Amino acid sequence: MPTRKAVFAIIDSERNSQDQQLPATPFELFDWLNFIDDHLLRARTAGTKIEATDELRNLSACAVAAMEQYGVRRRTGEFGIDEPTNMSKLSGMLSDLDESHYHGDLVGTANNDSDEDENDD
């Protein structure tokens, strides 16, 4: 399983790639939300875990780009800045996942796309 640092490095790499491709004119916040929604739909309907996590990488980079452009507040107040997030809801959702439609195995390292994967967005 990759470390948080490794995951953030992959997202950062995706952001660098986005910066090379995006227009100089900033997007509206709701445009970013639509991009995120599109990648989430692709992740939900992906045929493999690898394809799903590719979309999560793209989704995460879009979220980071939106926060870079519009700002983000630090976690404070009602959550308690040093208290961990209650993950019980997420854990329940993950345990309810039906993985029967996945055909590939999730790799615990950076994504190593093959040349056969010509449909990357």
PDB file of N, CA and C in Angstrom:
ATOM      1  N   MET A   1       0.842  -1.169   0.000  1.00  0.00           N
ATOM      2  CA  MET A   1       0.000   0.000   0.000  1.00  0.00           C
ATOM      3  C   MET A   1       0.894   1.241   0.000  1.00  0.00           C
ATOM      4  N   PRO A   2       0.641   2.194  -0.895  1.00  0.00           N
ATOM      5  CA  PRO A   2       1.486   3.390  -0.941  1.00  0.00           C
ATOM      6  C   PRO A   2       1.272   4.273   0.290  1.00  0.00           C
ATOM      7  N   THR A   3       2.284   5.000   0.656  1.00  0.00           N
ATOM      8  CA  THR A   3       2.178   5.921   1.786  1.00  0.00           C
ATOM      9  C   THR A   3       1.423   7.174   1.360  1.00  0.00           C
ATOM     10  N   ARG A   4       0.960   7.930   2.340  1.00  0.00           N
ATOM     11  CA  ARG A   4       0.284   9.200   2.050  1.00  0.00           C
ATOM     12  C   ARG A   4       1.224  10.115   1.264  1.00  0.00           C
ATOM     13  N   LYS A   5       2.494  10.132   1.652  1.00  0.00           N
ATOM     14  CA  LYS A   5       3.468  10.974   0.956  1.00  0.00           C
ATOM     15  C   LYS A   5       3.566  10.582  -0.520  1.00  0.00           C
ATOM     16  N   ALA A   6       3.582   9.288  -0.804  1.00  0.00           N
ATOM     17  CA  ALA A   6       3.656   8.813  -2.184  1.00  0.00           C
ATOM     18  C   ALA A   6       2.396   9.189  -2.966  1.00  0.00           C
ATOM     19  N   VAL A   7       1.239   9.062  -2.324  1.00  0.00           N
ATOM     20  CA  VAL A   7      -0.028   9.427  -2.978  1.00  0.00           C
ATOM     21  C   VAL A   7      -0.043  10.918  -3.295  1.00  0.00           C
ATOM     22  N   PHE A   8       0.372  11.749  -2.326  1.00  0.00           N
ATOM     23  CA  PHE A   8       0.411  13.192  -2.562  1.00  0.00           C
ATOM     24  C   PHE A   8       1.388  13.538  -3.684  1.00  0.00           C
ATOM     25  N   ALA A   9       2.501  12.826  -3.775  1.00  0.00           N
ATOM     26  CA  ALA A   9       3.466  13.065  -4.845  1.00  0.00           C
ATOM     27  C   ALA A   9       2.844  12.741  -6.214  1.00  0.00           C
ATOM     28  N   ILE A  10       2.052  11.689  -6.274  1.00  0.00           N
ATOM     29  CA  ILE A  10       1.376  11.322  -7.531  1.00  0.00           C
ATOM     30  C   ILE A  10       0.355  12.384  -7.908  1.00  0.00           C
ATOM     31  N   ILE A  11      -0.405  12.869  -6.922  1.00  0.00           N
ATOM     32  CA  ILE A  11      -1.387  13.931  -7.184  1.00  0.00           C
ATOM     33  C   ILE A  11      -0.661  15.201  -7.638  1.00  0.00           C
ATOM     34  N   ASP A  12       0.465  15.516  -6.997  1.00  0.00           N
ATOM     35  CA  ASP A  12       1.255  16.686  -7.380  1.00  0.00           C
ATOM     36  C   ASP A  12       1.746  16.554  -8.820  1.00  0.00           C
ATOM     37  N   SER A  13       2.167  15.363  -9.196  1.00  0.00           N
ATOM     38  CA  SER A  13       2.602  15.120 -10.568  1.00  0.00           C
ATOM     39  C   SER A  13       1.452  15.331 -11.552  1.00  0.00           C
ATOM     40  N   GLU A  14       0.269  14.881 -11.173  1.00  0.00           N
ATOM     41  CA  GLU A  14      -0.918  15.084 -12.026  1.00  0.00           C
ATOM     42  C   GLU A  14      -1.229  16.576 -12.155  1.00  0.00           C
ATOM     43  N   ARG A  15      -1.071  17.329 -11.062  1.00  0.00           N
ATOM     44  CA  ARG A  15      -1.289  18.784 -11.112  1.00  0.00           C
ATOM     45  C   ARG A  15      -0.298  19.443 -12.059  1.00  0.00           C
ATOM     46  N   ASN A  16       0.956  19.003 -12.006  1.00  0.00           N
ATOM     47  CA  ASN A  16       1.961  19.553 -12.925  1.00  0.00           C
ATOM     48  C   ASN A  16       1.564  19.294 -14.366  1.00  0.00           C
ATOM     49  N   SER A  17       1.057  18.106 -14.631  1.00  0.00           N
ATOM     50  CA  SER A  17       0.585  17.766 -15.975  1.00  0.00           C
ATOM     51  C   SER A  17      -0.600  18.650 -16.370  1.00  0.00           C
ATOM     52  N   GLN A  18      -1.526  18.863 -15.444  1.00  0.00           N
ATOM     53  CA  GLN A  18      -2.665  19.747 -15.719  1.00  0.00           C
ATOM     54  C   GLN A  18      -2.190  21.149 -16.075  1.00  0.00           C
ATOM     55  N   ASP A  19      -1.232  21.654 -15.311  1.00  0.00           N
ATOM     56  CA  ASP A  19      -0.734  23.010 -15.559  1.00  0.00           C
ATOM     57  C   ASP A  19      -0.187  23.158 -16.975  1.00  0.00           C
ATOM     58  N   GLN A  20       0.363  22.096 -17.524  1.00  0.00           N
ATOM     59  CA  GLN A  20       0.888  22.140 -18.889  1.00  0.00           C
ATOM     60  C   GLN A  20      -0.229  22.160 -19.932  1.00  0.00           C
ATOM     61  N   GLN A  21      -1.411  21.679 -19.557  1.00  0.00           N
ATOM     62  CA  GLN A  21      -2.499  21.511 -20.518  1.00  0.00           C
ATOM     63  C   GLN A  21      -3.614  22.536 -20.381  1.00  0.00           C
ATOM     64  N   LEU A  22      -3.751  23.153 -19.213  1.00  0.00           N
ATOM     65  CA  LEU A  22      -4.882  24.039 -18.953  1.00  0.00           C
ATOM     66  C   LEU A  22      -4.663  25.420 -19.558  1.00  0.00           C
ATOM     67  N   PRO A  23      -5.751  26.080 -19.934  1.00  0.00           N
ATOM     68  CA  PRO A  23      -5.629  27.439 -20.461  1.00  0.00           C
ATOM     69  C   PRO A  23      -5.214  28.415 -19.355  1.00  0.00           C
ATOM     70  N   ALA A  24      -4.692  29.563 -19.756  1.00  0.00           N
ATOM     71  CA  ALA A  24      -4.252  30.572 -18.780  1.00  0.00           C
ATOM     72  C   ALA A  24      -5.438  31.179 -18.030  1.00  0.00           C
ATOM     73  N   THR A  25      -6.603  31.226 -18.675  1.00  0.00           N
ATOM     74  CA  THR A  25      -7.801  31.775 -18.041  1.00  0.00           C
ATOM     75  C   THR A  25      -8.305  30.801 -16.991  1.00  0.00           C
ATOM     76  N   PRO A  26      -8.463  31.258 -15.743  1.00  0.00           N
ATOM     77  CA  PRO A  26      -8.923  30.346 -14.683  1.00  0.00           C
ATOM     78  C   PRO A  26     -10.357  29.862 -14.918  1.00  0.00           C
ATOM     79  N   PHE A  27     -10.635  28.678 -14.428  1.00  0.00           N
ATOM     80  CA  PHE A  27     -11.988  28.133 -14.501  1.00  0.00           C
ATOM     81  C   PHE A  27     -12.821  28.677 -13.350  1.00  0.00           C
ATOM     82  N   GLU A  28     -14.116  28.703 -13.548  1.00  0.00           N
ATOM     83  CA  GLU A  28     -15.043  29.015 -12.464  1.00  0.00           C
ATOM     84  C   GLU A  28     -15.049  27.827 -11.501  1.00  0.00           C
ATOM     85  N   LEU A  29     -15.400  28.085 -10.254  1.00  0.00           N
ATOM     86  CA  LEU A  29     -15.438  27.008  -9.263  1.00  0.00           C
ATOM     87  C   LEU A  29     -16.378  25.889  -9.703  1.00  0.00           C
ATOM     88  N   PHE A  30     -17.525  26.252 -10.268  1.00  0.00           N
ATOM     89  CA  PHE A  30     -18.484  25.224 -10.667  1.00  0.00           C
ATOM     90  C   PHE A  30     -17.991  24.411 -11.862  1.00  0.00           C
ATOM     91  N   ASP A  31     -17.103  24.979 -12.671  1.00  0.00           N
ATOM     92  CA  ASP A  31     -16.461  24.185 -13.726  1.00  0.00           C
ATOM     93  C   ASP A  31     -15.597  23.099 -13.093  1.00  0.00           C
ATOM     94  N   TRP A  32     -14.808  23.483 -12.077  1.00  0.00           N
ATOM     95  CA  TRP A  32     -13.986  22.494 -11.382  1.00  0.00           C
ATOM     96  C   TRP A  32     -14.862  21.406 -10.774  1.00  0.00           C
ATOM     97  N   LEU A  33     -15.979  21.806 -10.162  1.00  0.00           N
ATOM     98  CA  LEU A  33     -16.879  20.814  -9.563  1.00  0.00           C
ATOM     99  C   LEU A  33     -17.443  19.877 -10.626  1.00  0.00           C
ATOM    100  N   ASN A  34     -17.724  20.393 -11.804  1.00  0.00           N
ATOM    101  CA  ASN A  34     -18.206  19.534 -12.898  1.00  0.00           C
ATOM    102  C   ASN A  34     -17.117  18.562 -13.353  1.00  0.00           C
ATOM    103  N   PHE A  35     -15.865  19.039 -13.424  1.00  0.00           N
ATOM    104  CA  PHE A  35     -14.756  18.141 -13.776  1.00  0.00           C
ATOM    105  C   PHE A  35     -14.632  17.026 -12.739  1.00  0.00           C
ATOM    106  N   ILE A  36     -14.711  17.413 -11.474  1.00  0.00           N
ATOM    107  CA  ILE A  36     -14.617  16.438 -10.380  1.00  0.00           C
ATOM    108  C   ILE A  36     -15.754  15.425 -10.483  1.00  0.00           C
ATOM    109  N   ASP A  37     -16.959  15.917 -10.737  1.00  0.00           N
ATOM    110  CA  ASP A  37     -18.119  15.038 -10.870  1.00  0.00           C
ATOM    111  C   ASP A  37     -17.943  14.068 -12.035  1.00  0.00           C
ATOM    112  N   ASP A  38     -17.405  14.556 -13.142  1.00  0.00           N
ATOM    113  CA  ASP A  38     -17.166  13.705 -14.310  1.00  0.00           C
ATOM    114  C   ASP A  38     -16.166  12.599 -13.984  1.00  0.00           C
ATOM    115  N   HIS A  39     -15.075  12.954 -13.309  1.00  0.00           N
ATOM    116  CA  HIS A  39     -14.086  11.939 -12.942  1.00  0.00           C
ATOM    117  C   HIS A  39     -14.655  10.962 -11.913  1.00  0.00           C
ATOM    118  N   LEU A  40     -15.505  11.430 -11.021  1.00  0.00           N
ATOM    119  CA  LEU A  40     -16.136  10.539 -10.048  1.00  0.00           C
ATOM    120  C   LEU A  40     -17.050   9.541 -10.757  1.00  0.00           C
ATOM    121  N   LEU A  41     -17.815  10.002 -11.722  1.00  0.00           N
ATOM    122  CA  LEU A  41     -18.670   9.090 -12.489  1.00  0.00           C
ATOM    123  C   LEU A  41     -17.826   8.053 -13.218  1.00  0.00           C
ATOM    124  N   ARG A  42     -16.726   8.485 -13.821  1.00  0.00           N
ATOM    125  CA  ARG A  42     -15.838   7.543 -14.512  1.00  0.00           C
ATOM    126  C   ARG A  42     -15.241   6.534 -13.532  1.00  0.00           C
ATOM    127  N   ALA A  43     -14.892   6.993 -12.331  1.00  0.00           N
ATOM    128  CA  ALA A  43     -14.350   6.086 -11.318  1.00  0.00           C
ATOM    129  C   ALA A  43     -15.391   5.059 -10.901  1.00  0.00           C
ATOM    130  N   ARG A  44     -16.621   5.516 -10.720  1.00  0.00           N
ATOM    131  CA  ARG A  44     -17.708   4.608 -10.298  1.00  0.00           C
ATOM    132  C   ARG A  44     -18.029   3.564 -11.349  1.00  0.00           C
ATOM    133  N   THR A  45     -17.836   3.899 -12.610  1.00  0.00           N
ATOM    134  CA  THR A  45     -18.210   2.977 -13.691  1.00  0.00           C
ATOM    135  C   THR A  45     -16.998   2.311 -14.331  1.00  0.00           C
ATOM    136  N   ALA A  46     -15.824   2.494 -13.731  1.00  0.00           N
ATOM    137  CA  ALA A  46     -14.605   1.896 -14.275  1.00  0.00           C
ATOM    138  C   ALA A  46     -14.690   0.379 -14.235  1.00  0.00           C
ATOM    139  N   GLY A  47     -14.008  -0.230 -15.167  1.00  0.00           N
ATOM    140  CA  GLY A  47     -14.015  -1.685 -15.242  1.00  0.00           C
ATOM    141  C   GLY A  47     -13.024  -2.353 -14.311  1.00  0.00           C
ATOM    142  N   THR A  48     -12.019  -1.604 -13.873  1.00  0.00           N
ATOM    143  CA  THR A  48     -11.006  -2.171 -12.989  1.00  0.00           C
ATOM    144  C   THR A  48     -10.670  -1.174 -11.878  1.00  0.00           C
ATOM    145  N   LYS A  49     -10.035  -1.672 -10.842  1.00  0.00           N
ATOM    146  CA  LYS A  49      -9.592  -0.782  -9.760  1.00  0.00           C
ATOM    147  C   LYS A  49      -8.527   0.190 -10.264  1.00  0.00           C
ATOM    148  N   ILE A  50      -7.678  -0.264 -11.163  1.00  0.00           N
ATOM    149  CA  ILE A  50      -6.638   0.602 -11.719  1.00  0.00           C
ATOM    150  C   ILE A  50      -7.282   1.782 -12.441  1.00  0.00           C
ATOM    151  N   GLU A  51      -8.277   1.498 -13.279  1.00  0.00           N
ATOM    152  CA  GLU A  51      -8.975   2.580 -13.986  1.00  0.00           C
ATOM    153  C   GLU A  51      -9.679   3.505 -12.998  1.00  0.00           C
ATOM    154  N   ALA A  52     -10.275   2.937 -11.961  1.00  0.00           N
ATOM    155  CA  ALA A  52     -10.972   3.745 -10.951  1.00  0.00           C
ATOM    156  C   ALA A  52      -9.991   4.647 -10.213  1.00  0.00           C
ATOM    157  N   THR A  53      -8.833   4.111  -9.843  1.00  0.00           N
ATOM    158  CA  THR A  53      -7.871   4.940  -9.113  1.00  0.00           C
ATOM    159  C   THR A  53      -7.205   5.972 -10.033  1.00  0.00           C
ATOM    160  N   ASP A  54      -7.101   5.675 -11.331  1.00  0.00           N
ATOM    161  CA  ASP A  54      -6.640   6.704 -12.278  1.00  0.00           C
ATOM    162  C   ASP A  54      -7.582   7.903 -12.242  1.00  0.00           C
ATOM    163  N   GLU A  55      -8.877   7.622 -12.217  1.00  0.00           N
ATOM    164  CA  GLU A  55      -9.870   8.703 -12.166  1.00  0.00           C
ATOM    165  C   GLU A  55      -9.825   9.430 -10.822  1.00  0.00           C
ATOM    166  N   LEU A  56      -9.573   8.689  -9.742  1.00  0.00           N
ATOM    167  CA  LEU A  56      -9.437   9.344  -8.435  1.00  0.00           C
ATOM    168  C   LEU A  56      -8.223  10.271  -8.422  1.00  0.00           C
ATOM    169  N   ARG A  57      -7.144   9.860  -9.089  1.00  0.00           N
ATOM    170  CA  ARG A  57      -5.960  10.717  -9.207  1.00  0.00           C
ATOM    171  C   ARG A  57      -6.331  12.014  -9.928  1.00  0.00           C
ATOM    172  N   ASN A  58      -7.056  11.886 -11.035  1.00  0.00           N
ATOM    173  CA  ASN A  58      -7.479  13.065 -11.798  1.00  0.00           C
ATOM    174  C   ASN A  58      -8.437  13.934 -10.982  1.00  0.00           C
ATOM    175  N   LEU A  59      -9.377  13.297 -10.324  1.00  0.00           N
ATOM    176  CA  LEU A  59     -10.343  14.000  -9.481  1.00  0.00           C
ATOM    177  C   LEU A  59      -9.614  14.770  -8.379  1.00  0.00           C
ATOM    178  N   SER A  60      -8.673  14.122  -7.728  1.00  0.00           N
ATOM    179  CA  SER A  60      -7.921  14.760  -6.640  1.00  0.00           C
ATOM    180  C   SER A  60      -7.135  15.961  -7.140  1.00  0.00           C
ATOM    181  N   ALA A  61      -6.522  15.828  -8.290  1.00  0.00           N
ATOM    182  CA  ALA A  61      -5.757  16.936  -8.856  1.00  0.00           C
ATOM    183  C   ALA A  61      -6.682  18.108  -9.203  1.00  0.00           C
ATOM    184  N   CYS A  62      -7.879  17.817  -9.693  1.00  0.00           N
ATOM    185  CA  CYS A  62      -8.852  18.883  -9.971  1.00  0.00           C
ATOM    186  C   CYS A  62      -9.264  19.587  -8.680  1.00  0.00           C
ATOM    187  N   ALA A  63      -9.468  18.815  -7.624  1.00  0.00           N
ATOM    188  CA  ALA A  63      -9.832  19.403  -6.335  1.00  0.00           C
ATOM    189  C   ALA A  63      -8.707  20.300  -5.823  1.00  0.00           C
ATOM    190  N   VAL A  64      -7.466  19.846  -5.964  1.00  0.00           N
ATOM    191  CA  VAL A  64      -6.323  20.655  -5.541  1.00  0.00           C
ATOM    192  C   VAL A  64      -6.255  21.935  -6.369  1.00  0.00           C
ATOM    193  N   ALA A  65      -6.437  21.826  -7.669  1.00  0.00           N
ATOM    194  CA  ALA A  65      -6.390  23.007  -8.541  1.00  0.00           C
ATOM    195  C   ALA A  65      -7.471  24.017  -8.153  1.00  0.00           C
ATOM    196  N   ALA A  66      -8.662  23.522  -7.858  1.00  0.00           N
ATOM    197  CA  ALA A  66      -9.761  24.412  -7.447  1.00  0.00           C
ATOM    198  C   ALA A  66      -9.405  25.133  -6.147  1.00  0.00           C
ATOM    199  N   MET A  67      -8.818  24.401  -5.198  1.00  0.00           N
ATOM    200  CA  MET A  67      -8.448  25.026  -3.920  1.00  0.00           C
ATOM    201  C   MET A  67      -7.275  25.980  -4.088  1.00  0.00           C
ATOM    202  N   GLU A  68      -6.365  25.685  -5.012  1.00  0.00           N
ATOM    203  CA  GLU A  68      -5.279  26.617  -5.297  1.00  0.00           C
ATOM    204  C   GLU A  68      -5.846  27.927  -5.829  1.00  0.00           C
ATOM    205  N   GLN A  69      -6.847  27.827  -6.684  1.00  0.00           N
ATOM    206  CA  GLN A  69      -7.421  29.005  -7.317  1.00  0.00           C
ATOM    207  C   GLN A  69      -8.359  29.768  -6.376  1.00  0.00           C
ATOM    208  N   TYR A  70      -9.170  29.057  -5.597  1.00  0.00           N
ATOM    209  CA  TYR A  70     -10.202  29.699  -4.783  1.00  0.00           C
ATOM    210  C   TYR A  70      -9.902  29.709  -3.294  1.00  0.00           C
ATOM    211  N   GLY A  71      -8.847  29.039  -2.887  1.00  0.00           N
ATOM    212  CA  GLY A  71      -8.488  29.001  -1.476  1.00  0.00           C
ATOM    213  C   GLY A  71      -9.188  27.867  -0.752  1.00  0.00           C
ATOM    214  N   VAL A  72      -8.715  27.619   0.462  1.00  0.00           N
ATOM    215  CA  VAL A  72      -9.286  26.559   1.289  1.00  0.00           C
ATOM    216  C   VAL A  72      -9.032  26.934   2.746  1.00  0.00           C
ATOM    217  N   ARG A  73     -10.009  26.664   3.593  1.00  0.00           N
ATOM    218  CA  ARG A  73      -9.847  26.959   5.019  1.00  0.00           C
ATOM    219  C   ARG A  73      -9.169  25.794   5.724  1.00  0.00           C
ATOM    220  N   ARG A  74      -8.378  26.137   6.743  1.00  0.00           N
ATOM    221  CA  ARG A  74      -7.793  25.092   7.591  1.00  0.00           C
ATOM    222  C   ARG A  74      -8.901  24.443   8.390  1.00  0.00           C
ATOM    223  N   ARG A  75      -8.703  23.220   8.760  1.00  0.00           N
ATOM    224  CA  ARG A  75      -9.656  22.475   9.584  1.00  0.00           C
ATOM    225  C   ARG A  75      -9.611  22.999  11.007  1.00  0.00           C
ATOM    226  N   THR A  76     -10.659  23.644  11.452  1.00  0.00           N
ATOM    227  CA  THR A  76     -10.702  24.188  12.806  1.00  0.00           C
ATOM    228  C   THR A  76     -12.122  24.106  13.350  1.00  0.00           C
ATOM    229  N   GLY A  77     -12.320  24.696  14.542  1.00  0.00           N
ATOM    230  CA  GLY A  77     -13.651  24.867  15.096  1.00  0.00           C
ATOM    231  C   GLY A  77     -14.356  23.576  15.400  1.00  0.00           C
ATOM    232  N   GLU A  78     -15.460  23.339  14.697  1.00  0.00           N
ATOM    233  CA  GLU A  78     -16.334  22.215  15.036  1.00  0.00           C
ATOM    234  C   GLU A  78     -15.643  20.862  14.964  1.00  0.00           C
ATOM    235  N   PHE A  79     -14.602  20.726  14.144  1.00  0.00           N
ATOM    236  CA  PHE A  79     -13.940  19.440  14.003  1.00  0.00           C
ATOM    237  C   PHE A  79     -12.798  19.265  15.000  1.00  0.00           C
ATOM    238  N   GLY A  80     -12.235  20.350  15.455  1.00  0.00           N
ATOM    239  CA  GLY A  80     -11.046  20.259  16.299  1.00  0.00           C
ATOM    240  C   GLY A  80      -9.845  20.015  15.409  1.00  0.00           C
ATOM    241  N   ILE A  81      -8.937  20.959  15.376  1.00  0.00           N
ATOM    242  CA  ILE A  81      -7.848  20.908  14.395  1.00  0.00           C
ATOM    243  C   ILE A  81      -6.949  19.689  14.550  1.00  0.00           C
ATOM    244  N   ASP A  82      -6.783  19.192  15.776  1.00  0.00           N
ATOM    245  CA  ASP A  82      -5.873  18.062  15.970  1.00  0.00           C
ATOM    246  C   ASP A  82      -6.587  16.732  16.148  1.00  0.00           C
ATOM    247  N   GLU A  83      -7.904  16.742  16.048  1.00  0.00           N
ATOM    248  CA  GLU A  83      -8.651  15.504  16.246  1.00  0.00           C
ATOM    249  C   GLU A  83      -8.825  14.786  14.917  1.00  0.00           C
ATOM    250  N   PRO A  84      -8.715  13.473  14.927  1.00  0.00           N
ATOM    251  CA  PRO A  84      -8.899  12.730  13.677  1.00  0.00           C
ATOM    252  C   PRO A  84     -10.356  12.789  13.218  1.00  0.00           C
ATOM    253  N   THR A  85     -10.550  12.691  11.920  1.00  0.00           N
ATOM    254  CA  THR A  85     -11.886  12.655  11.346  1.00  0.00           C
ATOM    255  C   THR A  85     -12.543  11.330  11.697  1.00  0.00           C
ATOM    256  N   ASN A  86     -13.830  11.360  11.964  1.00  0.00           N
ATOM    257  CA  ASN A  86     -14.574  10.127  12.213  1.00  0.00           C
ATOM    258  C   ASN A  86     -14.727   9.399  10.886  1.00  0.00           C
ATOM    259  N   MET A  87     -14.034   8.301  10.740  1.00  0.00           N
ATOM    260  CA  MET A  87     -14.025   7.560   9.484  1.00  0.00           C
ATOM    261  C   MET A  87     -15.035   6.417   9.469  1.00  0.00           C
ATOM    262  N   SER A  88     -15.894   6.334  10.496  1.00  0.00           N
ATOM    263  CA  SER A  88     -16.801   5.191  10.568  1.00  0.00           C
ATOM    264  C   SER A  88     -17.759   5.154   9.385  1.00  0.00           C
ATOM    265  N   LYS A  89     -18.234   6.308   8.936  1.00  0.00           N
ATOM    266  CA  LYS A  89     -19.142   6.326   7.788  1.00  0.00           C
ATOM    267  C   LYS A  89     -18.423   5.829   6.532  1.00  0.00           C
ATOM    268  N   LEU A  90     -17.198   6.323   6.299  1.00  0.00           N
ATOM    269  CA  LEU A  90     -16.422   5.883   5.145  1.00  0.00           C
ATOM    270  C   LEU A  90     -16.110   4.398   5.239  1.00  0.00           C
ATOM    271  N   SER A  91     -15.738   3.942   6.423  1.00  0.00           N
ATOM    272  CA  SER A  91     -15.432   2.520   6.595  1.00  0.00           C
ATOM    273  C   SER A  91     -16.641   1.658   6.263  1.00  0.00           C
ATOM    274  N   GLY A  92     -17.821   2.101   6.703  1.00  0.00           N
ATOM    275  CA  GLY A  92     -19.043   1.365   6.397  1.00  0.00           C
ATOM    276  C   GLY A  92     -19.319   1.329   4.905  1.00  0.00           C
ATOM    277  N   MET A  93     -19.101   2.468   4.242  1.00  0.00           N
ATOM    278  CA  MET A  93     -19.320   2.518   2.801  1.00  0.00           C
ATOM    279  C   MET A  93     -18.363   1.583   2.076  1.00  0.00           C
ATOM    280  N   LEU A  94     -17.095   1.569   2.512  1.00  0.00           N
ATOM    281  CA  LEU A  94     -16.109   0.711   1.860  1.00  0.00           C
ATOM    282  C   LEU A  94     -16.417  -0.764   2.066  1.00  0.00           C
ATOM    283  N   SER A  95     -16.897  -1.112   3.260  1.00  0.00           N
ATOM    284  CA  SER A  95     -17.199  -2.525   3.502  1.00  0.00           C
ATOM    285  C   SER A  95     -18.420  -2.975   2.723  1.00  0.00           C
ATOM    286  N   ASP A  96     -19.283  -2.036   2.342  1.00  0.00           N
ATOM    287  CA  ASP A  96     -20.472  -2.366   1.565  1.00  0.00           C
ATOM    288  C   ASP A  96     -20.194  -2.440   0.068  1.00  0.00           C
ATOM    289  N   LEU A  97     -18.992  -2.029  -0.353  1.00  0.00           N
ATOM    290  CA  LEU A  97     -18.673  -2.036  -1.781  1.00  0.00           C
ATOM    291  C   LEU A  97     -18.759  -3.440  -2.351  1.00  0.00           C
ATOM    292  N   ASP A  98     -19.389  -3.546  -3.494  1.00  0.00           N
ATOM    293  CA  ASP A  98     -19.423  -4.816  -4.202  1.00  0.00           C
ATOM    294  C   ASP A  98     -18.297  -4.791  -5.218  1.00  0.00           C
ATOM    295  N   GLU A  99     -17.248  -5.542  -4.961  1.00  0.00           N
ATOM    296  CA  GLU A  99     -16.105  -5.543  -5.847  1.00  0.00           C
ATOM    297  C   GLU A  99     -16.201  -6.603  -6.940  1.00  0.00           C
ATOM    298  N   SER A 100     -17.364  -7.202  -7.083  1.00  0.00           N
ATOM    299  CA  SER A 100     -17.486  -8.286  -8.052  1.00  0.00           C
ATOM    300  C   SER A 100     -17.303  -7.814  -9.493  1.00  0.00           C
ATOM    301  N   HIS A 101     -17.503  -6.510  -9.767  1.00  0.00           N
ATOM    302  CA  HIS A 101     -17.346  -6.038 -11.135  1.00  0.00           C
ATOM    303  C   HIS A 101     -15.921  -5.620 -11.458  1.00  0.00           C
ATOM    304  N   TYR A 102     -15.020  -5.681 -10.465  1.00  0.00           N
ATOM    305  CA  TYR A 102     -13.625  -5.352 -10.727  1.00  0.00           C
ATOM    306  C   TYR A 102     -12.900  -6.585 -11.247  1.00  0.00           C
ATOM    307  N   HIS A 103     -12.072  -6.364 -12.242  1.00  0.00           N
ATOM    308  CA  HIS A 103     -11.350  -7.485 -12.853  1.00  0.00           C
ATOM    309  C   HIS A 103      -9.856  -7.433 -12.576  1.00  0.00           C
ATOM    310  N   GLY A 104      -9.327  -6.248 -12.226  1.00  0.00           N
ATOM    311  CA  GLY A 104      -7.892  -6.104 -12.010  1.00  0.00           C
ATOM    312  C   GLY A 104      -7.584  -5.963 -10.536  1.00  0.00           C
ATOM    313  N   ASP A 105      -6.342  -6.110 -10.207  1.00  0.00           N
ATOM    314  CA  ASP A 105      -5.902  -5.927  -8.839  1.00  0.00           C
ATOM    315  C   ASP A 105      -5.308  -4.545  -8.684  1.00  0.00           C
ATOM    316  N   LEU A 106      -5.555  -3.919  -7.553  1.00  0.00           N
ATOM    317  CA  LEU A 106      -4.988  -2.615  -7.248  1.00  0.00           C
ATOM    318  C   LEU A 106      -3.530  -2.794  -6.883  1.00  0.00           C
ATOM    319  N   VAL A 107      -2.677  -2.025  -7.493  1.00  0.00           N
ATOM    320  CA  VAL A 107      -1.253  -2.116  -7.245  1.00  0.00           C
ATOM    321  C   VAL A 107      -0.903  -1.104  -6.164  1.00  0.00           C
ATOM    322  N   GLY A 108      -0.014  -1.476  -5.268  1.00  0.00           N
ATOM    323  CA  GLY A 108       0.347  -0.601  -4.174  1.00  0.00           C
ATOM    324  C   GLY A 108       1.474   0.356  -4.505  1.00  0.00           C
ATOM    325  N   THR A 109       1.718   0.604  -5.771  1.00  0.00           N
ATOM    326  CA  THR A 109       2.774   1.522  -6.171  1.00  0.00           C
ATOM    327  C   THR A 109       2.202   2.533  -7.141  1.00  0.00           C
ATOM    328  N   ALA A 110       3.035   3.409  -7.608  1.00  0.00           N
ATOM    329  CA  ALA A 110       2.602   4.406  -8.589  1.00  0.00           C
ATOM    330  C   ALA A 110       2.037   3.697  -9.814  1.00  0.00           C
ATOM    331  N   ASN A 111       1.142   4.371 -10.493  1.00  0.00           N
ATOM    332  CA  ASN A 111       0.498   3.805 -11.664  1.00  0.00           C
ATOM    333  C   ASN A 111       1.513   3.611 -12.781  1.00  0.00           C
ATOM    334  N   ASN A 112       1.634   2.404 -13.257  1.00  0.00           N
ATOM    335  CA  ASN A 112       2.522   2.091 -14.361  1.00  0.00           C
ATOM    336  C   ASN A 112       1.673   1.705 -15.560  1.00  0.00           C
ATOM    337  N   ASP A 113       1.224   2.717 -16.307  1.00  0.00           N
ATOM    338  CA  ASP A 113       0.376   2.457 -17.463  1.00  0.00           C
ATOM    339  C   ASP A 113       1.185   1.794 -18.560  1.00  0.00           C
ATOM    340  N   SER A 114       0.568   0.869 -19.240  1.00  0.00           N
ATOM    341  CA  SER A 114       1.228   0.229 -20.364  1.00  0.00           C
ATOM    342  C   SER A 114       0.931   1.009 -21.632  1.00  0.00           C
ATOM    343  N   ASP A 115       1.639   0.682 -22.690  1.00  0.00           N
ATOM    344  CA  ASP A 115       1.402   1.334 -23.971  1.00  0.00           C
ATOM    345  C   ASP A 115       0.058   0.947 -24.551  1.00  0.00           C
ATOM    346  N   GLU A 116      -0.532  -0.131 -24.054  1.00  0.00           N
ATOM    347  CA  GLU A 116      -1.829  -0.574 -24.556  1.00  0.00           C
ATOM    348  C   GLU A 116      -2.948   0.360 -24.127  1.00  0.00           C
ATOM    349  N   ASP A 117      -2.735   1.158 -23.084  1.00  0.00           N
ATOM    350  CA  ASP A 117      -3.750   2.047 -22.543  1.00  0.00           C
ATOM    351  C   ASP A 117      -3.751   3.364 -23.301  1.00  0.00           C
ATOM    352  N   GLU A 118      -4.320   3.393 -24.472  1.00  0.00           N
ATOM    353  CA  GLU A 118      -4.307   4.576 -25.330  1.00  0.00           C
ATOM    354  C   GLU A 118      -5.432   5.565 -25.024  1.00  0.00           C
ATOM    355  N   ASN A 119      -6.386   5.200 -24.131  1.00  0.00           N
ATOM    356  CA  ASN A 119      -7.573   6.016 -23.903  1.00  0.00           C
ATOM    357  C   ASN A 119      -7.467   6.899 -22.686  1.00  0.00           C
ATOM    358  N   ASP A 120      -6.275   7.270 -22.253  1.00  0.00           N
ATOM    359  CA  ASP A 120      -6.117   8.146 -21.084  1.00  0.00           C
ATOM    360  C   ASP A 120      -6.588   9.535 -21.418  1.00  0.00           C
ATOM    361  N   ASP A 121      -7.239  10.171 -20.458  1.00  0.00           N
ATOM    362  CA  ASP A 121      -7.704  11.555 -20.651  1.00  0.00           C
ATOM    363  C   ASP A 121      -6.852  12.516 -19.893  1.00  0.00           C
TER     364      ASP A 121
END
